[in-house]
């Protein structure tokens, strides 16, 4: 991830930053009623999983129900407190099975694996 896409973090602060990429309409809808403190906790876990790097986590594609019982969207987990997942508006499906297949296909096409943890 290029540094120019990130917000400046105050020197000496041990805080989880956020990318400055705008939130799309699906993400706004998905984030609107979620607990901010729990999102921050999740983002800190994702940051650790991503070897202390901000941004999308390679190989962590997901399916999210965006309209209960109607539509599902493919997304990707992201180590970012403002946007802990990225939803792809061009990958919305009418069934969970279709979305899951699309997520698996995307992961295979990108040939990404989840980052290994340095212990």
N, C-alpha and C. Protein backbone atom coordinates (compact mmCIF):
# COMPACT_ATOMS: atom_id res chain seq x y z
N UNK A 1 0.84 -1.17 0.00
CA UNK A 1 0.00 0.00 0.00
C UNK A 1 0.88 1.23 0.00
N UNK A 2 0.58 2.17 -0.86
CA UNK A 2 1.37 3.39 -0.96
C UNK A 2 1.07 4.31 0.22
N UNK A 3 2.10 4.98 0.71
CA UNK A 3 1.94 5.86 1.86
C UNK A 3 1.02 7.04 1.58
N UNK A 4 0.97 7.53 0.33
CA UNK A 4 0.14 8.69 0.04
C UNK A 4 -1.35 8.39 0.19
N UNK A 5 -1.74 7.13 0.31
CA UNK A 5 -3.14 6.76 0.49
C UNK A 5 -3.53 6.67 1.96
N UNK A 6 -2.61 7.02 2.85
CA UNK A 6 -2.88 6.88 4.28
C UNK A 6 -2.94 8.24 4.97
N UNK A 7 -3.74 8.31 6.01
CA UNK A 7 -3.78 9.51 6.83
C UNK A 7 -2.49 9.58 7.63
N UNK A 8 -2.06 10.78 7.93
CA UNK A 8 -0.89 10.95 8.78
C UNK A 8 -1.24 10.57 10.21
N UNK A 9 -0.36 9.83 10.86
CA UNK A 9 -0.56 9.43 12.24
C UNK A 9 0.41 10.27 13.08
N UNK A 10 -0.07 10.88 14.16
CA UNK A 10 0.82 11.69 14.99
C UNK A 10 2.03 10.90 15.46
N UNK A 11 3.20 11.52 15.41
CA UNK A 11 4.44 10.88 15.82
C UNK A 11 4.34 10.39 17.26
N UNK A 12 4.74 9.16 17.50
CA UNK A 12 4.77 8.61 18.85
C UNK A 12 3.46 8.00 19.32
N UNK A 13 2.43 8.06 18.51
CA UNK A 13 1.15 7.50 18.93
C UNK A 13 1.06 6.03 18.53
N UNK A 14 0.64 5.22 19.45
CA UNK A 14 0.44 3.80 19.20
C UNK A 14 -1.02 3.56 18.86
N UNK A 15 -1.51 4.19 17.80
CA UNK A 15 -2.91 4.05 17.43
C UNK A 15 -3.02 3.41 16.07
N UNK A 16 -4.13 2.73 15.86
CA UNK A 16 -4.41 2.11 14.58
C UNK A 16 -4.94 3.16 13.63
N UNK A 17 -4.29 3.36 12.53
CA UNK A 17 -4.69 4.37 11.57
C UNK A 17 -5.82 3.92 10.67
N UNK A 18 -6.09 4.75 9.68
CA UNK A 18 -7.14 4.45 8.72
C UNK A 18 -6.71 4.96 7.36
N UNK A 19 -7.06 4.21 6.33
CA UNK A 19 -6.79 4.66 4.97
C UNK A 19 -7.75 5.78 4.63
N UNK A 20 -7.36 6.62 3.70
CA UNK A 20 -8.24 7.74 3.36
C UNK A 20 -9.11 7.47 2.13
N UNK A 21 -9.28 6.20 1.76
CA UNK A 21 -10.14 5.86 0.64
C UNK A 21 -11.60 6.03 1.05
N UNK A 22 -12.42 6.59 0.18
CA UNK A 22 -13.83 6.83 0.54
C UNK A 22 -14.60 5.52 0.74
N UNK A 23 -15.63 5.61 1.56
CA UNK A 23 -16.50 4.46 1.83
C UNK A 23 -17.61 4.47 0.78
N UNK A 24 -17.82 3.31 0.12
CA UNK A 24 -18.88 3.26 -0.90
C UNK A 24 -20.25 3.05 -0.23
N UNK A 25 -21.30 3.12 -1.04
CA UNK A 25 -22.68 3.06 -0.51
C UNK A 25 -22.98 1.75 0.23
N UNK A 26 -22.48 0.62 -0.29
CA UNK A 26 -22.71 -0.66 0.40
C UNK A 26 -22.04 -0.68 1.76
N UNK A 27 -20.82 -0.14 1.83
CA UNK A 27 -20.09 -0.11 3.10
C UNK A 27 -20.78 0.82 4.10
N UNK A 28 -21.27 1.96 3.63
CA UNK A 28 -22.00 2.89 4.52
C UNK A 28 -23.20 2.18 5.14
N UNK A 29 -23.93 1.47 4.30
CA UNK A 29 -25.12 0.75 4.78
C UNK A 29 -24.73 -0.33 5.78
N UNK A 30 -23.66 -1.07 5.49
CA UNK A 30 -23.24 -2.17 6.37
C UNK A 30 -22.68 -1.65 7.70
N UNK A 31 -22.05 -0.49 7.69
CA UNK A 31 -21.42 0.04 8.90
C UNK A 31 -22.35 0.88 9.78
N UNK A 32 -23.49 1.31 9.26
CA UNK A 32 -24.30 2.31 9.94
C UNK A 32 -24.78 1.93 11.34
N UNK A 33 -25.08 0.68 11.60
CA UNK A 33 -25.61 0.30 12.91
C UNK A 33 -24.65 -0.55 13.73
N UNK A 34 -23.39 -0.59 13.35
CA UNK A 34 -22.42 -1.41 14.07
C UNK A 34 -21.78 -0.63 15.22
N UNK A 35 -21.42 -1.32 16.26
CA UNK A 35 -20.79 -0.73 17.45
C UNK A 35 -19.36 -0.29 17.11
N UNK A 36 -19.08 0.99 17.26
CA UNK A 36 -17.77 1.57 16.91
C UNK A 36 -16.65 0.94 17.73
N UNK A 37 -16.88 0.70 19.02
CA UNK A 37 -15.85 0.10 19.87
C UNK A 37 -15.51 -1.32 19.42
N UNK A 38 -16.53 -2.07 19.05
CA UNK A 38 -16.29 -3.44 18.56
C UNK A 38 -15.58 -3.41 17.21
N UNK A 39 -15.91 -2.44 16.36
CA UNK A 39 -15.21 -2.30 15.08
C UNK A 39 -13.74 -1.99 15.30
N UNK A 40 -13.44 -1.13 16.28
CA UNK A 40 -12.05 -0.81 16.59
C UNK A 40 -11.31 -2.05 17.09
N UNK A 41 -11.97 -2.84 17.94
CA UNK A 41 -11.36 -4.09 18.43
C UNK A 41 -11.08 -5.03 17.27
N UNK A 42 -12.05 -5.16 16.37
CA UNK A 42 -11.87 -6.02 15.21
C UNK A 42 -10.72 -5.52 14.34
N UNK A 43 -10.65 -4.21 14.14
CA UNK A 43 -9.59 -3.63 13.31
C UNK A 43 -8.21 -3.89 13.92
N UNK A 44 -8.11 -3.82 15.23
CA UNK A 44 -6.83 -4.09 15.88
C UNK A 44 -6.42 -5.55 15.67
N UNK A 45 -7.38 -6.46 15.74
CA UNK A 45 -7.09 -7.88 15.48
C UNK A 45 -6.65 -8.08 14.03
N UNK A 46 -7.35 -7.44 13.10
CA UNK A 46 -6.99 -7.56 11.68
C UNK A 46 -5.62 -6.96 11.41
N UNK A 47 -5.28 -5.86 12.09
CA UNK A 47 -3.98 -5.23 11.94
C UNK A 47 -2.88 -6.21 12.37
N UNK A 48 -3.10 -6.91 13.49
CA UNK A 48 -2.13 -7.91 13.95
C UNK A 48 -2.04 -9.07 12.97
N UNK A 49 -3.20 -9.54 12.46
CA UNK A 49 -3.22 -10.62 11.48
C UNK A 49 -2.44 -10.24 10.22
N UNK A 50 -2.49 -8.97 9.86
CA UNK A 50 -1.85 -8.48 8.64
C UNK A 50 -0.42 -8.03 8.90
N UNK A 51 0.22 -8.60 9.92
CA UNK A 51 1.61 -8.29 10.26
C UNK A 51 1.86 -6.79 10.45
N UNK A 52 0.92 -6.14 11.13
CA UNK A 52 1.02 -4.72 11.47
C UNK A 52 1.11 -3.82 10.25
N UNK A 53 0.34 -4.17 9.23
CA UNK A 53 0.22 -3.35 8.02
C UNK A 53 -1.24 -2.93 7.88
N UNK A 54 -1.46 -1.70 7.43
CA UNK A 54 -2.80 -1.21 7.16
C UNK A 54 -3.27 -1.70 5.80
N UNK A 55 -4.56 -1.71 5.62
CA UNK A 55 -5.13 -1.97 4.30
C UNK A 55 -5.68 -3.37 4.13
N UNK A 56 -6.09 -3.69 2.90
CA UNK A 56 -6.69 -4.99 2.59
C UNK A 56 -5.75 -6.15 2.95
N UNK A 57 -6.33 -7.20 3.50
CA UNK A 57 -5.54 -8.36 3.90
C UNK A 57 -5.60 -9.40 2.78
N UNK A 58 -4.46 -9.74 2.20
CA UNK A 58 -4.45 -10.71 1.09
C UNK A 58 -5.12 -12.03 1.48
N UNK A 59 -5.93 -12.54 0.57
CA UNK A 59 -6.53 -13.85 0.74
C UNK A 59 -7.70 -13.93 1.70
N UNK A 60 -8.18 -12.81 2.23
CA UNK A 60 -9.27 -12.85 3.20
C UNK A 60 -10.57 -12.32 2.59
N UNK A 61 -11.03 -13.01 1.57
CA UNK A 61 -12.29 -12.62 0.92
C UNK A 61 -13.45 -13.17 1.72
N UNK A 62 -14.56 -12.47 1.68
CA UNK A 62 -15.70 -12.81 2.51
C UNK A 62 -16.99 -12.56 1.75
N UNK A 63 -18.09 -13.03 2.32
CA UNK A 63 -19.42 -12.78 1.78
C UNK A 63 -20.22 -12.12 2.89
N UNK A 64 -20.90 -11.02 2.55
CA UNK A 64 -21.71 -10.31 3.53
C UNK A 64 -23.12 -10.16 2.99
N UNK A 65 -24.09 -10.44 3.82
CA UNK A 65 -25.48 -10.23 3.45
C UNK A 65 -25.76 -8.73 3.55
N UNK A 66 -26.12 -8.09 2.44
CA UNK A 66 -26.36 -6.65 2.45
C UNK A 66 -27.84 -6.30 2.52
N UNK A 67 -28.70 -7.22 2.12
CA UNK A 67 -30.15 -7.10 2.30
C UNK A 67 -30.64 -8.46 2.75
N UNK A 68 -31.07 -8.58 4.01
CA UNK A 68 -31.45 -9.88 4.55
C UNK A 68 -32.38 -10.68 3.63
N UNK A 69 -31.91 -11.87 3.28
CA UNK A 69 -32.68 -12.77 2.44
C UNK A 69 -32.76 -12.39 0.97
N UNK A 70 -32.08 -11.29 0.57
CA UNK A 70 -32.20 -10.83 -0.82
C UNK A 70 -30.87 -10.75 -1.56
N UNK A 71 -29.89 -10.06 -1.00
CA UNK A 71 -28.63 -9.87 -1.72
C UNK A 71 -27.42 -10.07 -0.82
N UNK A 72 -26.37 -10.61 -1.43
CA UNK A 72 -25.10 -10.85 -0.77
C UNK A 72 -24.01 -10.23 -1.61
N UNK A 73 -22.96 -9.77 -0.95
CA UNK A 73 -21.88 -9.07 -1.63
C UNK A 73 -20.54 -9.70 -1.25
N UNK A 74 -19.62 -9.73 -2.20
CA UNK A 74 -18.26 -10.19 -1.94
C UNK A 74 -17.48 -9.01 -1.39
N UNK A 75 -16.63 -9.30 -0.42
CA UNK A 75 -15.79 -8.27 0.18
C UNK A 75 -14.44 -8.83 0.57
N UNK A 76 -13.66 -7.99 1.23
CA UNK A 76 -12.33 -8.38 1.68
C UNK A 76 -12.09 -7.71 3.03
N UNK A 77 -11.52 -8.46 3.98
CA UNK A 77 -11.18 -7.88 5.26
C UNK A 77 -10.05 -6.89 5.08
N UNK A 78 -10.04 -5.84 5.92
CA UNK A 78 -9.03 -4.80 5.81
C UNK A 78 -8.62 -4.33 7.20
N UNK A 79 -7.33 -4.17 7.41
CA UNK A 79 -6.81 -3.67 8.68
C UNK A 79 -6.93 -2.15 8.65
N UNK A 80 -8.10 -1.67 9.02
CA UNK A 80 -8.42 -0.25 8.95
C UNK A 80 -9.58 0.02 9.90
N UNK A 81 -9.39 0.88 10.89
CA UNK A 81 -10.44 1.09 11.89
C UNK A 81 -11.67 1.77 11.33
N UNK A 82 -11.52 2.57 10.27
CA UNK A 82 -12.67 3.24 9.68
C UNK A 82 -13.41 2.35 8.69
N UNK A 83 -12.72 1.35 8.19
CA UNK A 83 -13.29 0.51 7.13
C UNK A 83 -12.69 -0.91 7.25
N UNK A 84 -13.18 -1.72 8.23
CA UNK A 84 -12.57 -3.03 8.47
C UNK A 84 -12.87 -4.08 7.40
N UNK A 85 -13.67 -3.71 6.44
CA UNK A 85 -13.91 -4.59 5.29
C UNK A 85 -14.18 -3.70 4.08
N UNK A 86 -13.85 -4.24 2.93
CA UNK A 86 -14.09 -3.55 1.66
C UNK A 86 -15.12 -4.37 0.93
N UNK A 87 -16.24 -3.75 0.57
CA UNK A 87 -17.27 -4.45 -0.19
C UNK A 87 -17.16 -4.03 -1.65
N UNK A 88 -17.30 -4.99 -2.55
CA UNK A 88 -17.17 -4.74 -3.98
C UNK A 88 -18.56 -4.58 -4.60
N UNK A 89 -18.96 -3.33 -4.93
CA UNK A 89 -20.31 -3.07 -5.44
C UNK A 89 -20.62 -3.79 -6.76
N UNK A 90 -19.59 -4.17 -7.49
CA UNK A 90 -19.81 -4.88 -8.76
C UNK A 90 -19.90 -6.39 -8.56
N UNK A 91 -19.89 -6.83 -7.30
CA UNK A 91 -19.98 -8.26 -7.00
C UNK A 91 -21.12 -8.52 -6.01
N UNK A 92 -22.34 -8.15 -6.41
CA UNK A 92 -23.54 -8.36 -5.59
C UNK A 92 -24.36 -9.47 -6.25
N UNK A 93 -24.83 -10.41 -5.42
CA UNK A 93 -25.52 -11.60 -5.95
C UNK A 93 -26.84 -11.82 -5.23
N UNK A 94 -27.70 -12.63 -5.86
CA UNK A 94 -29.03 -12.92 -5.32
C UNK A 94 -29.05 -14.11 -4.37
N UNK A 95 -27.92 -14.79 -4.22
CA UNK A 95 -27.86 -15.90 -3.27
C UNK A 95 -26.49 -15.95 -2.62
N UNK A 96 -26.49 -16.50 -1.42
CA UNK A 96 -25.24 -16.66 -0.68
C UNK A 96 -24.30 -17.61 -1.43
N UNK A 97 -24.85 -18.64 -2.04
CA UNK A 97 -24.03 -19.62 -2.76
C UNK A 97 -23.31 -18.97 -3.95
N UNK A 98 -24.03 -18.12 -4.69
CA UNK A 98 -23.41 -17.42 -5.83
C UNK A 98 -22.27 -16.52 -5.35
N UNK A 99 -22.52 -15.79 -4.27
CA UNK A 99 -21.50 -14.88 -3.74
C UNK A 99 -20.29 -15.65 -3.22
N UNK A 100 -20.54 -16.77 -2.56
CA UNK A 100 -19.44 -17.59 -2.05
C UNK A 100 -18.59 -18.13 -3.20
N UNK A 101 -19.23 -18.60 -4.24
CA UNK A 101 -18.50 -19.09 -5.40
C UNK A 101 -17.66 -17.97 -6.03
N UNK A 102 -18.23 -16.76 -6.13
CA UNK A 102 -17.50 -15.62 -6.69
C UNK A 102 -16.31 -15.25 -5.82
N UNK A 103 -16.47 -15.30 -4.50
CA UNK A 103 -15.35 -14.99 -3.58
C UNK A 103 -14.24 -16.02 -3.73
N UNK A 104 -14.61 -17.29 -3.83
CA UNK A 104 -13.61 -18.35 -4.00
C UNK A 104 -12.89 -18.20 -5.34
N UNK A 105 -13.63 -17.86 -6.38
CA UNK A 105 -13.03 -17.64 -7.71
C UNK A 105 -12.06 -16.46 -7.67
N UNK A 106 -12.47 -15.38 -7.02
CA UNK A 106 -11.61 -14.19 -6.91
C UNK A 106 -10.31 -14.53 -6.19
N UNK A 107 -10.42 -15.26 -5.09
CA UNK A 107 -9.22 -15.65 -4.34
C UNK A 107 -8.30 -16.52 -5.19
N UNK A 108 -8.87 -17.46 -5.94
CA UNK A 108 -8.07 -18.33 -6.80
C UNK A 108 -7.40 -17.53 -7.92
N UNK A 109 -8.14 -16.58 -8.51
CA UNK A 109 -7.57 -15.76 -9.60
C UNK A 109 -6.42 -14.89 -9.10
N UNK A 110 -6.55 -14.37 -7.90
CA UNK A 110 -5.51 -13.50 -7.35
C UNK A 110 -4.35 -14.29 -6.76
N UNK A 111 -4.56 -15.57 -6.53
CA UNK A 111 -3.53 -16.46 -5.97
C UNK A 111 -2.91 -15.87 -4.71
N UNK A 112 -3.78 -15.38 -3.83
CA UNK A 112 -3.30 -14.79 -2.57
C UNK A 112 -3.45 -15.79 -1.44
N UNK A 113 -2.57 -15.69 -0.49
CA UNK A 113 -2.74 -16.49 0.72
C UNK A 113 -2.76 -15.54 1.91
N UNK A 114 -3.38 -15.98 2.99
CA UNK A 114 -3.45 -15.16 4.19
C UNK A 114 -2.04 -14.98 4.72
N UNK A 115 -1.69 -13.75 5.16
CA UNK A 115 -0.34 -13.51 5.66
C UNK A 115 0.01 -14.43 6.82
N UNK A 116 1.25 -14.88 6.88
CA UNK A 116 1.67 -15.71 8.01
C UNK A 116 2.09 -14.76 9.13
N UNK A 117 1.89 -15.21 10.34
CA UNK A 117 2.25 -14.39 11.50
C UNK A 117 3.69 -14.65 11.85
N UNK A 118 4.40 -13.58 12.14
CA UNK A 118 5.78 -13.70 12.61
C UNK A 118 5.77 -13.85 14.12
N UNK A 119 6.09 -15.03 14.57
CA UNK A 119 6.04 -15.30 16.02
C UNK A 119 7.44 -15.28 16.57
